[in-house]
N, C-alpha and C. Protein backbone atom coordinates (compact mmCIF):
# COMPACT_ATOMS: atom_id res chain seq x y z
N MET A 1 -29.52 2.26 8.59
CA MET A 1 -29.48 0.96 8.05
C MET A 1 -30.20 -0.31 8.62
N SER A 2 -30.43 -1.32 7.31
CA SER A 2 -30.38 -2.73 7.71
C SER A 2 -29.68 -3.55 7.24
N LEU A 3 -29.10 -4.30 8.01
CA LEU A 3 -28.46 -5.51 7.78
C LEU A 3 -29.00 -6.85 8.14
N LEU A 4 -29.17 -7.38 7.43
CA LEU A 4 -29.89 -8.74 7.91
C LEU A 4 -31.08 -8.69 9.11
N GLY A 5 -31.48 -7.87 8.60
CA GLY A 5 -33.15 -7.59 9.81
C GLY A 5 -32.49 -7.45 11.00
N LYS A 6 -31.03 -6.33 10.72
CA LYS A 6 -30.53 -5.50 12.49
C LYS A 6 -30.18 -4.18 11.99
N ASP A 7 -30.56 -3.44 13.04
CA ASP A 7 -30.16 -2.16 12.52
C ASP A 7 -28.51 -2.02 12.92
N ALA A 8 -27.77 -0.60 11.71
CA ALA A 8 -26.17 -0.73 11.53
C ALA A 8 -26.09 0.58 11.06
N VAL A 9 -25.36 0.98 12.13
CA VAL A 9 -24.72 2.79 11.18
C VAL A 9 -23.93 2.55 10.33
N GLY A 10 -23.72 3.21 9.99
CA GLY A 10 -22.58 3.33 8.59
C GLY A 10 -21.45 3.69 9.02
N ILE A 11 -20.33 2.97 8.70
CA ILE A 11 -18.94 3.03 8.66
C ILE A 11 -18.58 4.47 9.37
N GLN A 12 -18.89 5.29 8.61
CA GLN A 12 -18.52 7.14 9.58
C GLN A 12 -19.13 7.04 10.20
N ASN A 13 -19.96 6.45 11.34
CA ASN A 13 -20.80 6.79 12.54
C ASN A 13 -20.05 6.04 13.00
N MET A 14 -19.33 4.92 12.83
CA MET A 14 -18.73 4.25 13.79
C MET A 14 -16.89 5.01 14.26
N LEU A 15 -16.81 5.06 12.88
CA LEU A 15 -15.54 6.35 13.05
C LEU A 15 -15.50 6.93 13.31
N HIS A 16 -16.33 7.51 13.38
CA HIS A 16 -16.66 9.30 14.46
C HIS A 16 -16.73 8.89 15.74
N ASN A 17 -17.92 7.97 16.16
CA ASN A 17 -17.88 7.76 17.66
C ASN A 17 -16.60 7.37 18.59
N SER A 18 -16.04 6.41 17.54
CA SER A 18 -14.87 6.19 18.01
C SER A 18 -13.62 6.74 18.39
N ILE A 19 -13.87 7.80 16.91
CA ILE A 19 -12.54 8.86 17.43
C ILE A 19 -13.46 9.55 18.79
N HIS A 20 -13.97 10.13 18.36
CA HIS A 20 -14.27 10.99 19.38
C HIS A 20 -14.27 10.44 21.18
N LYS A 21 -14.08 9.23 21.11
CA LYS A 21 -13.94 8.96 22.25
C LYS A 21 -12.34 9.07 22.83
N CYS A 22 -12.05 9.65 22.28
CA CYS A 22 -10.12 9.33 22.53
C CYS A 22 -10.09 10.64 23.54
N SER A 23 -9.01 10.91 23.30
CA SER A 23 -8.59 12.54 24.23
C SER A 23 -8.81 13.36 23.19
N VAL A 24 -8.95 14.83 23.73
CA VAL A 24 -8.85 15.88 22.93
C VAL A 24 -7.40 15.69 22.00
N VAL A 25 -6.68 15.53 23.12
CA VAL A 25 -4.89 15.69 22.22
C VAL A 25 -4.89 14.82 21.26
N ASP A 26 -5.55 13.51 21.48
CA ASP A 26 -5.21 12.29 20.65
C ASP A 26 -5.81 12.65 18.99
N LYS A 27 -7.61 12.99 18.82
CA LYS A 27 -8.10 12.96 18.10
C LYS A 27 -7.94 13.62 16.58
N LYS A 28 -6.79 14.80 16.82
CA LYS A 28 -6.71 15.23 16.00
C LYS A 28 -5.52 14.36 15.08
N GLU A 29 -4.61 13.76 15.67
CA GLU A 29 -3.69 12.59 15.13
C GLU A 29 -3.80 11.44 14.73
N VAL A 30 -5.29 10.80 15.13
CA VAL A 30 -6.25 9.83 14.93
C VAL A 30 -6.77 10.19 13.51
N PHE A 31 -7.76 11.42 13.32
CA PHE A 31 -8.13 11.38 12.31
C PHE A 31 -7.38 11.85 10.84
N LYS A 32 -5.99 11.92 11.57
CA LYS A 32 -4.94 12.23 10.27
C LYS A 32 -4.48 11.07 9.43
N ASN A 33 -4.61 9.20 10.61
CA ASN A 33 -4.12 8.01 10.41
C ASN A 33 -5.30 7.39 10.59
N VAL A 34 -6.50 7.35 9.77
CA VAL A 34 -7.46 6.27 9.56
C VAL A 34 -7.26 5.41 8.75
N TYR A 35 -7.26 4.08 8.87
CA TYR A 35 -6.66 2.97 7.82
C TYR A 35 -7.91 1.99 8.04
N VAL A 36 -7.89 1.99 6.76
CA VAL A 36 -9.12 0.93 5.93
C VAL A 36 -8.35 -0.77 5.66
N SER A 37 -9.55 -1.63 6.66
CA SER A 37 -8.57 -2.56 5.23
C SER A 37 -9.65 -3.64 5.52
N GLY A 38 -9.53 -4.69 5.01
CA GLY A 38 -10.44 -6.01 4.49
C GLY A 38 -11.35 -5.58 3.59
N GLY A 39 -12.17 -6.45 3.54
CA GLY A 39 -12.82 -6.72 2.38
C GLY A 39 -13.51 -4.83 1.62
N ILE A 40 -13.67 -5.18 2.75
CA ILE A 40 -14.18 -3.09 2.49
C ILE A 40 -13.57 -1.92 2.10
N SER A 41 -11.99 -2.05 2.27
CA SER A 41 -11.47 -1.20 1.60
C SER A 41 -11.14 -1.82 0.04
N LYS A 42 -11.65 -2.87 -0.71
CA LYS A 42 -11.74 -2.73 -1.83
C LYS A 42 -12.62 -2.28 -2.39
N VAL A 43 -13.67 -1.27 -2.04
CA VAL A 43 -14.61 -0.44 -3.21
C VAL A 43 -13.87 0.72 -3.15
N PRO A 44 -14.14 0.27 -4.68
CA PRO A 44 -13.78 1.46 -5.15
C PRO A 44 -14.29 3.34 -4.63
N GLY A 45 -13.17 4.27 -4.62
CA GLY A 45 -13.83 5.89 -4.17
C GLY A 45 -14.13 5.78 -2.50
N LEU A 46 -13.66 4.38 -2.14
CA LEU A 46 -14.10 4.43 -0.57
C LEU A 46 -13.73 5.42 -0.17
N ASN A 47 -12.26 5.42 0.20
CA ASN A 47 -11.15 6.15 0.66
C ASN A 47 -11.74 8.10 0.76
N ASP A 48 -12.23 7.90 -0.58
CA ASP A 48 -12.34 9.81 -0.55
C ASP A 48 -13.59 10.17 0.10
N ARG A 49 -14.52 8.67 -0.34
CA ARG A 49 -16.15 9.11 0.37
C ARG A 49 -15.93 9.29 1.90
N LEU A 50 -15.16 8.15 2.75
CA LEU A 50 -15.02 8.36 3.70
C LEU A 50 -14.77 10.13 4.30
N LYS A 51 -13.33 10.51 3.70
CA LYS A 51 -12.65 11.71 4.05
C LYS A 51 -13.67 12.78 4.11
N SER A 52 -14.77 12.67 3.31
CA SER A 52 -15.54 13.94 2.43
C SER A 52 -16.63 13.71 4.32
N LEU A 53 -17.02 12.60 4.22
CA LEU A 53 -18.96 12.66 4.72
C LEU A 53 -17.54 12.37 6.70
N LEU A 54 -16.53 12.33 6.68
CA LEU A 54 -15.94 12.63 7.92
C LEU A 54 -15.67 14.11 8.61
N HIS A 55 -14.76 14.62 7.25
CA HIS A 55 -14.68 15.99 7.41
C HIS A 55 -16.26 16.70 7.22
N SER A 56 -17.30 16.34 6.83
CA SER A 56 -18.56 16.78 7.11
C SER A 56 -19.29 16.60 8.41
N MET A 57 -18.86 15.44 9.37
CA MET A 57 -18.89 15.36 10.38
C MET A 57 -18.45 16.28 11.28
N ASN A 58 -17.13 16.43 10.68
CA ASN A 58 -15.72 17.38 12.05
C ASN A 58 -15.24 18.28 11.32
N PRO A 59 -15.98 19.60 11.01
CA PRO A 59 -15.68 20.30 10.13
C PRO A 59 -14.44 21.42 11.17
N THR A 60 -14.34 21.03 11.78
CA THR A 60 -13.67 21.66 12.45
C THR A 60 -11.95 21.47 12.32
N ILE A 61 -12.00 20.01 12.20
CA ILE A 61 -10.57 19.28 12.06
C ILE A 61 -9.90 19.18 10.79
N PRO A 62 -8.94 19.94 10.90
CA PRO A 62 -7.99 19.95 8.92
C PRO A 62 -7.53 19.16 8.24
N GLU A 63 -7.47 18.15 8.59
CA GLU A 63 -6.78 17.06 8.33
C GLU A 63 -7.36 16.11 9.31
N ILE A 64 -7.70 15.57 8.00
CA ILE A 64 -8.43 14.13 7.81
C ILE A 64 -7.93 13.05 6.94
N GLU A 65 -7.16 12.46 6.69
CA GLU A 65 -6.51 11.32 6.11
C GLU A 65 -6.92 9.85 6.41
N VAL A 66 -7.63 9.26 5.45
CA VAL A 66 -8.07 7.98 5.12
C VAL A 66 -7.14 7.33 4.51
N LYS A 67 -6.70 5.79 4.47
CA LYS A 67 -5.74 5.35 3.90
C LYS A 67 -6.07 3.86 3.60
N THR A 68 -5.91 2.89 2.80
CA THR A 68 -6.38 1.63 2.56
C THR A 68 -4.99 0.28 2.92
N LEU A 69 -5.11 -0.27 3.75
CA LEU A 69 -4.25 -1.59 3.83
C LEU A 69 -4.67 -2.49 2.97
N ASP A 70 -3.45 -3.28 2.78
CA ASP A 70 -4.12 -5.39 2.81
C ASP A 70 -3.48 -5.73 3.89
N ILE A 71 -3.51 -6.97 3.77
CA ILE A 71 -3.12 -7.69 4.98
C ILE A 71 -1.84 -7.97 4.79
N GLY A 72 -1.14 -8.26 3.08
CA GLY A 72 0.07 -8.35 3.09
C GLY A 72 0.99 -6.74 3.32
N GLN A 73 0.13 -5.79 2.76
CA GLN A 73 1.08 -4.65 4.00
C GLN A 73 1.23 -4.29 4.84
N ILE A 74 0.35 -4.81 5.84
CA ILE A 74 -0.64 -4.87 7.02
C ILE A 74 1.19 -5.81 8.17
N MET A 75 1.31 -6.85 7.56
CA MET A 75 2.41 -7.83 7.80
C MET A 75 3.87 -7.15 7.29
N MET A 76 3.46 -6.87 6.23
CA MET A 76 5.44 -6.33 5.94
C MET A 76 5.43 -5.01 6.45
N GLU A 77 4.82 -4.47 7.20
CA GLU A 77 4.89 -3.13 8.51
C GLU A 77 5.46 -3.99 9.33
N GLY A 78 4.48 -4.82 9.80
CA GLY A 78 4.75 -5.36 11.16
C GLY A 78 6.09 -6.09 11.32
N VAL A 79 6.93 -6.79 10.08
CA VAL A 79 8.15 -7.30 10.09
C VAL A 79 9.11 -5.59 10.27
N LYS A 80 9.58 -4.32 9.81
CA LYS A 80 9.26 -3.48 9.41
C LYS A 80 10.06 -3.73 10.79
N LYS A 81 8.88 -3.45 11.66
CA LYS A 81 9.05 -2.20 12.66
C LYS A 81 9.75 -3.42 13.91
N ILE A 82 9.34 -4.54 13.49
CA ILE A 82 10.28 -5.54 14.08
C ILE A 82 12.01 -5.63 14.23
N ILE A 83 12.36 -5.64 13.06
CA ILE A 83 13.28 -5.76 12.55
C ILE A 83 14.07 -3.99 13.07
N GLU A 84 13.37 -2.97 12.87
CA GLU A 84 13.48 -1.77 13.26
C GLU A 84 14.30 -1.48 14.68
N LYS A 85 13.41 -2.33 15.22
CA LYS A 85 13.58 -2.06 17.37
C LYS A 85 14.70 -3.24 17.46
N GLY A 86 15.14 -3.64 16.84
CA GLY A 86 15.97 -4.52 16.56
C GLY A 86 15.55 -6.52 17.00
N GLY A 87 15.02 -6.29 16.26
CA GLY A 87 14.29 -8.10 17.14
C GLY A 87 14.38 -8.91 15.63
N ILE A 88 15.42 -8.72 15.12
CA ILE A 88 15.84 -9.36 13.88
C ILE A 88 16.11 -10.70 14.58
N ASP A 89 16.44 -11.26 15.77
CA ASP A 89 17.23 -12.64 15.99
C ASP A 89 15.09 -13.54 16.62
N TRP A 90 13.87 -13.10 16.57
CA TRP A 90 12.80 -13.29 16.43
C TRP A 90 12.80 -14.23 14.90
N ILE A 91 12.65 -13.36 14.22
CA ILE A 91 13.03 -13.86 12.50
C ILE A 91 13.68 -14.88 12.09
N THR A 92 15.31 -14.80 12.82
CA THR A 92 16.34 -15.20 12.59
C THR A 92 16.24 -16.55 12.75
N LYS A 93 15.94 -16.84 14.29
CA LYS A 93 16.05 -18.24 15.22
C LYS A 93 14.71 -18.54 15.55
N ASP A 94 15.08 -19.86 15.71
CA ASP A 94 14.03 -20.39 16.12
C ASP A 94 12.51 -19.65 17.11
N PRO A 95 11.21 -19.56 16.35
CA PRO A 95 10.66 -19.52 17.74
C PRO A 95 10.25 -19.81 18.86
N LEU A 96 10.45 -21.03 18.59
CA LEU A 96 9.73 -21.92 19.78
C LEU A 96 10.89 -22.70 20.95
N ALA A 97 12.32 -21.97 20.06
CA ALA A 97 13.77 -22.41 20.96
C ALA A 97 13.28 -22.48 22.28
N SER A 98 12.54 -21.47 23.23
CA SER A 98 12.58 -21.06 24.40
C SER A 98 11.70 -22.17 25.15
N GLN A 99 10.96 -22.16 24.01
CA GLN A 99 9.53 -23.58 25.15
C GLN A 99 10.85 -25.08 24.93
N LYS A 100 11.22 -25.11 24.00
CA LYS A 100 12.16 -27.02 24.04
C LYS A 100 12.75 -26.90 24.96
N GLN A 101 13.29 -28.11 25.63
CA GLN A 101 13.55 -28.61 26.69
C GLN A 101 15.19 -28.85 26.25
N HIS A 102 15.85 -28.51 26.75
CA HIS A 102 17.23 -29.17 26.78
C HIS A 102 17.78 -30.51 26.78
């Protein structure tokens, strides 16, 4: 594929190559948790197509899940995790308080 005169591999190849750099133990977990975000996540049918392409490239992996997140969802999930870990002070207090001089 050529993008503006430069050779580029497809997103399925980039994902495949990146995941295969993980340890054997982690690969199956990573394949179950492929997240796509940004403008490309708006392409209709992308999740199903990526899942199908990744499965054809990795037939021994029984579970492959491709999920889409937008920036709002990512931010809200991050806030939820901060709250769950007891980081509520960071949200409710002045974040620059530690930098201010007394």
